[in-house]
Amino acid sequence: MPLKLSLKPGERFVLNGAVVQNGDRRGVLILQNKASVLREKDIMQAEDVDSPAKRIYFPVMMMYLDESSADKFYDEFVRRVTEFMSVVKNPDVLADCVAASKHVMAREYYKALLAARKIIDYEEQRLGNGLSGVQTGG
């Protein structure tokens, strides 16, 4: 099933590791086969990894963007999700951690990113910082 991306003018995204930027008009891109795609708002830079939940998200994002190097990031993910789960008691968040882990083990990295996004949202609500986007830098 094709993936249809509606892009804002100037919007950037990563497609199989390449950074692509839309022109000065709205655009639509239709991907006919499987590809790793992340919109700019979902991309986290290494220098923005400043919380326990983001330390879970980042290695999953790297596995998704470069599946051939997934083994390099797997141990970091396991360490970070284990640390997080050892201090969090909320059953819904723990379920999100388990879901992320199951998806990573099944190499379903995009689904793991969705679960990790929920963990970041929970952390931000608990800290009360009101940040809504993954990307905190330009």
C-alpha atoms as a PDB file:
ATOM      1  CA  MET A   1       0.000   0.000   0.000  1.00  0.00           C
ATOM      2  CA  PRO A   2       1.527   3.354  -1.015  1.00  0.00           C
ATOM      3  CA  LEU A   3       2.408   5.992   1.575  1.00  0.00           C
ATOM      4  CA  LYS A   4       1.143   9.480   0.760  1.00  0.00           C
ATOM      5  CA  LEU A   5       3.010  12.406   2.328  1.00  0.00           C
ATOM      6  CA  SER A   6       1.465  15.869   2.171  1.00  0.00           C
ATOM      7  CA  LEU A   7       4.281  18.348   2.582  1.00  0.00           C
ATOM      8  CA  LYS A   8       4.242  21.968   3.662  1.00  0.00           C
ATOM      9  CA  PRO A   9       6.393  24.471   1.775  1.00  0.00           C
ATOM     10  CA  GLY A  10      10.002  24.011   2.856  1.00  0.00           C
ATOM     11  CA  GLU A  11       9.210  20.990   5.036  1.00  0.00           C
ATOM     12  CA  ARG A  12      12.109  18.587   5.479  1.00  0.00           C
ATOM     13  CA  PHE A  13      12.011  14.861   6.005  1.00  0.00           C
ATOM     14  CA  VAL A  14      14.401  11.941   5.997  1.00  0.00           C
ATOM     15  CA  LEU A  15      13.920   9.286   3.353  1.00  0.00           C
ATOM     16  CA  ASN A  16      16.122   6.202   3.730  1.00  0.00           C
ATOM     17  CA  GLY A  17      18.800   8.304   5.402  1.00  0.00           C
ATOM     18  CA  ALA A  18      18.729  11.200   2.919  1.00  0.00           C
ATOM     19  CA  VAL A  19      17.472  14.603   4.065  1.00  0.00           C
ATOM     20  CA  VAL A  20      14.939  15.880   1.533  1.00  0.00           C
ATOM     21  CA  GLN A  21      13.314  19.312   1.518  1.00  0.00           C
ATOM     22  CA  ASN A  22      10.094  20.299  -0.215  1.00  0.00           C
ATOM     23  CA  GLY A  23      10.130  23.364  -2.482  1.00  0.00           C
ATOM     24  CA  ASP A  24       8.285  26.619  -1.928  1.00  0.00           C
ATOM     25  CA  ARG A  25       4.794  25.173  -2.508  1.00  0.00           C
ATOM     26  CA  ARG A  26       2.721  22.500  -0.832  1.00  0.00           C
ATOM     27  CA  GLY A  27       3.498  19.136  -2.319  1.00  0.00           C
ATOM     28  CA  VAL A  28       2.454  15.525  -2.254  1.00  0.00           C
ATOM     29  CA  LEU A  29       4.859  12.625  -2.399  1.00  0.00           C
ATOM     30  CA  ILE A  30       3.654   9.074  -2.916  1.00  0.00           C
ATOM     31  CA  LEU A  31       6.022   6.258  -1.970  1.00  0.00           C
ATOM     32  CA  GLN A  32       5.142   3.053  -3.791  1.00  0.00           C
ATOM     33  CA  ASN A  33       7.317   0.689  -1.744  1.00  0.00           C
ATOM     34  CA  LYS A  34       8.639   0.307   1.799  1.00  0.00           C
ATOM     35  CA  ALA A  35      10.966   3.101   2.891  1.00  0.00           C
ATOM     36  CA  SER A  36      12.116   4.664   6.154  1.00  0.00           C
ATOM     37  CA  VAL A  37      10.514   8.110   6.333  1.00  0.00           C
ATOM     38  CA  LEU A  38      10.555  10.572   9.222  1.00  0.00           C
ATOM     39  CA  ARG A  39       9.128  14.076   9.149  1.00  0.00           C
ATOM     40  CA  GLU A  40      11.219  16.935  10.471  1.00  0.00           C
ATOM     41  CA  LYS A  41       9.122  17.199  13.654  1.00  0.00           C
ATOM     42  CA  ASP A  42       9.925  13.571  14.535  1.00  0.00           C
ATOM     43  CA  ILE A  43      13.673  13.832  14.001  1.00  0.00           C
ATOM     44  CA  MET A  44      15.778  14.221  17.120  1.00  0.00           C
ATOM     45  CA  GLN A  45      19.331  15.501  17.019  1.00  0.00           C
ATOM     46  CA  ALA A  46      21.911  13.883  19.318  1.00  0.00           C
ATOM     47  CA  GLU A  47      22.381  17.162  21.222  1.00  0.00           C
ATOM     48  CA  ASP A  48      18.643  17.211  22.033  1.00  0.00           C
ATOM     49  CA  VAL A  49      18.769  13.895  23.903  1.00  0.00           C
ATOM     50  CA  ASP A  50      18.443  15.438  27.351  1.00  0.00           C
ATOM     51  CA  SER A  51      15.996  13.241  29.249  1.00  0.00           C
ATOM     52  CA  PRO A  52      15.476   9.555  30.067  1.00  0.00           C
ATOM     53  CA  ALA A  53      12.565   9.180  27.632  1.00  0.00           C
ATOM     54  CA  LYS A  54      14.508  10.819  24.817  1.00  0.00           C
ATOM     55  CA  ARG A  55      17.349   8.397  25.526  1.00  0.00           C
ATOM     56  CA  ILE A  56      14.857   5.643  24.655  1.00  0.00           C
ATOM     57  CA  TYR A  57      13.531   7.367  21.520  1.00  0.00           C
ATOM     58  CA  PHE A  58      16.902   8.245  19.984  1.00  0.00           C
ATOM     59  CA  PRO A  59      18.350   4.738  19.507  1.00  0.00           C
ATOM     60  CA  VAL A  60      14.999   3.533  18.135  1.00  0.00           C
ATOM     61  CA  MET A  61      15.025   6.412  15.658  1.00  0.00           C
ATOM     62  CA  MET A  62      18.556   5.495  14.616  1.00  0.00           C
ATOM     63  CA  MET A  63      17.562   1.840  14.131  1.00  0.00           C
ATOM     64  CA  TYR A  64      14.630   2.962  11.991  1.00  0.00           C
ATOM     65  CA  LEU A  65      16.690   5.296   9.841  1.00  0.00           C
ATOM     66  CA  ASP A  66      19.591   2.866   9.375  1.00  0.00           C
ATOM     67  CA  GLU A  67      18.343  -0.669   9.830  1.00  0.00           C
ATOM     68  CA  SER A  68      21.670  -2.109   8.684  1.00  0.00           C
ATOM     69  CA  SER A  69      23.282  -0.572  11.802  1.00  0.00           C
ATOM     70  CA  ALA A  70      20.465  -1.496  14.188  1.00  0.00           C
ATOM     71  CA  ASP A  71      22.659  -3.831  16.227  1.00  0.00           C
ATOM     72  CA  LYS A  72      24.877  -0.873  17.093  1.00  0.00           C
ATOM     73  CA  PHE A  73      21.956   0.925  18.781  1.00  0.00           C
ATOM     74  CA  TYR A  74      20.102  -2.064  20.253  1.00  0.00           C
ATOM     75  CA  ASP A  75      22.127  -2.340  23.480  1.00  0.00           C
ATOM     76  CA  GLU A  76      21.707   1.376  24.170  1.00  0.00           C
ATOM     77  CA  PHE A  77      17.937   1.040  23.724  1.00  0.00           C
ATOM     78  CA  VAL A  78      17.764  -1.974  26.068  1.00  0.00           C
ATOM     79  CA  ARG A  79      19.842  -0.210  28.738  1.00  0.00           C
ATOM     80  CA  ARG A  80      17.753   2.966  28.589  1.00  0.00           C
ATOM     81  CA  VAL A  81      14.339   1.320  28.558  1.00  0.00           C
ATOM     82  CA  THR A  82      15.379  -0.945  31.455  1.00  0.00           C
ATOM     83  CA  GLU A  83      16.541   2.064  33.499  1.00  0.00           C
ATOM     84  CA  PHE A  84      13.316   3.919  32.748  1.00  0.00           C
ATOM     85  CA  MET A  85      11.117   0.964  33.651  1.00  0.00           C
ATOM     86  CA  SER A  86      12.938   0.510  36.968  1.00  0.00           C
ATOM     87  CA  VAL A  87      11.785   3.929  38.221  1.00  0.00           C
ATOM     88  CA  VAL A  88       8.382   4.449  36.565  1.00  0.00           C
ATOM     89  CA  LYS A  89       5.339   2.917  38.216  1.00  0.00           C
ATOM     90  CA  ASN A  90       2.581   4.089  35.845  1.00  0.00           C
ATOM     91  CA  PRO A  91       1.099   0.923  34.273  1.00  0.00           C
ATOM     92  CA  ASP A  92       0.205   2.669  30.993  1.00  0.00           C
ATOM     93  CA  VAL A  93       3.738   3.962  30.526  1.00  0.00           C
ATOM     94  CA  LEU A  94       5.200   0.605  31.470  1.00  0.00           C
ATOM     95  CA  ALA A  95       2.937  -0.933  28.808  1.00  0.00           C
ATOM     96  CA  ASP A  96       4.314   1.575  26.282  1.00  0.00           C
ATOM     97  CA  CYS A  97       7.853   0.537  27.258  1.00  0.00           C
ATOM     98  CA  VAL A  98       6.982  -3.123  26.771  1.00  0.00           C
ATOM     99  CA  ALA A  99       5.321  -2.324  23.434  1.00  0.00           C
ATOM    100  CA  ALA A 100       8.400  -0.413  22.258  1.00  0.00           C
ATOM    101  CA  SER A 101      10.595  -3.348  23.274  1.00  0.00           C
ATOM    102  CA  LYS A 102       8.412  -5.885  21.470  1.00  0.00           C
ATOM    103  CA  HIS A 103       8.405  -3.774  18.317  1.00  0.00           C
ATOM    104  CA  VAL A 104      12.184  -3.354  18.420  1.00  0.00           C
ATOM    105  CA  MET A 105      12.640  -7.089  18.825  1.00  0.00           C
ATOM    106  CA  ALA A 106      10.343  -7.648  15.825  1.00  0.00           C
ATOM    107  CA  ARG A 107      12.303  -4.997  13.848  1.00  0.00           C
ATOM    108  CA  GLU A 108       9.127  -2.908  13.616  1.00  0.00           C
ATOM    109  CA  TYR A 109      11.009   0.301  14.319  1.00  0.00           C
ATOM    110  CA  TYR A 110       8.344   2.765  13.234  1.00  0.00           C
ATOM    111  CA  LYS A 111       5.838   1.190  15.621  1.00  0.00           C
ATOM    112  CA  ALA A 112       8.506   1.294  18.334  1.00  0.00           C
ATOM    113  CA  LEU A 113       8.943   5.029  17.635  1.00  0.00           C
ATOM    114  CA  LEU A 114       5.218   5.586  18.157  1.00  0.00           C
ATOM    115  CA  ALA A 115       5.412   3.869  21.552  1.00  0.00           C
ATOM    116  CA  ALA A 116       8.562   5.814  22.462  1.00  0.00           C
ATOM    117  CA  ARG A 117       6.782   9.057  21.503  1.00  0.00           C
ATOM    118  CA  LYS A 118       4.120   8.235  24.115  1.00  0.00           C
ATOM    119  CA  ILE A 119       6.869   7.770  26.713  1.00  0.00           C
ATOM    120  CA  ILE A 120       8.273  11.211  25.888  1.00  0.00           C
ATOM    121  CA  ASP A 121       4.790  12.733  26.122  1.00  0.00           C
ATOM    122  CA  TYR A 122       4.291  11.143  29.555  1.00  0.00           C
ATOM    123  CA  GLU A 123       7.656  12.410  30.770  1.00  0.00           C
ATOM    124  CA  GLU A 124       6.938  15.935  29.538  1.00  0.00           C
ATOM    125  CA  GLN A 125       3.539  15.943  31.258  1.00  0.00           C
ATOM    126  CA  ARG A 126       5.115  14.791  34.509  1.00  0.00           C
ATOM    127  CA  LEU A 127       7.880  17.384  34.309  1.00  0.00           C
ATOM    128  CA  GLY A 128       5.389  20.082  33.352  1.00  0.00           C
ATOM    129  CA  ASN A 129       7.617  21.618  30.726  1.00  0.00           C
ATOM    130  CA  GLY A 130       4.877  21.743  28.103  1.00  0.00           C
ATOM    131  CA  LEU A 131       7.083  20.761  25.176  1.00  0.00           C
ATOM    132  CA  SER A 132       5.008  19.034  22.544  1.00  0.00           C
ATOM    133  CA  GLY A 133       7.457  18.314  19.727  1.00  0.00           C
ATOM    134  CA  VAL A 134      10.328  15.883  19.660  1.00  0.00           C
ATOM    135  CA  GLN A 135      12.608  18.340  17.959  1.00  0.00           C
ATOM    136  CA  THR A 136      13.788  21.014  20.375  1.00  0.00           C
ATOM    137  CA  GLY A 137      16.468  22.552  18.182  1.00  0.00           C
ATOM    138  CA  GLY A 138      16.551  24.013  14.680  1.00  0.00           C
END
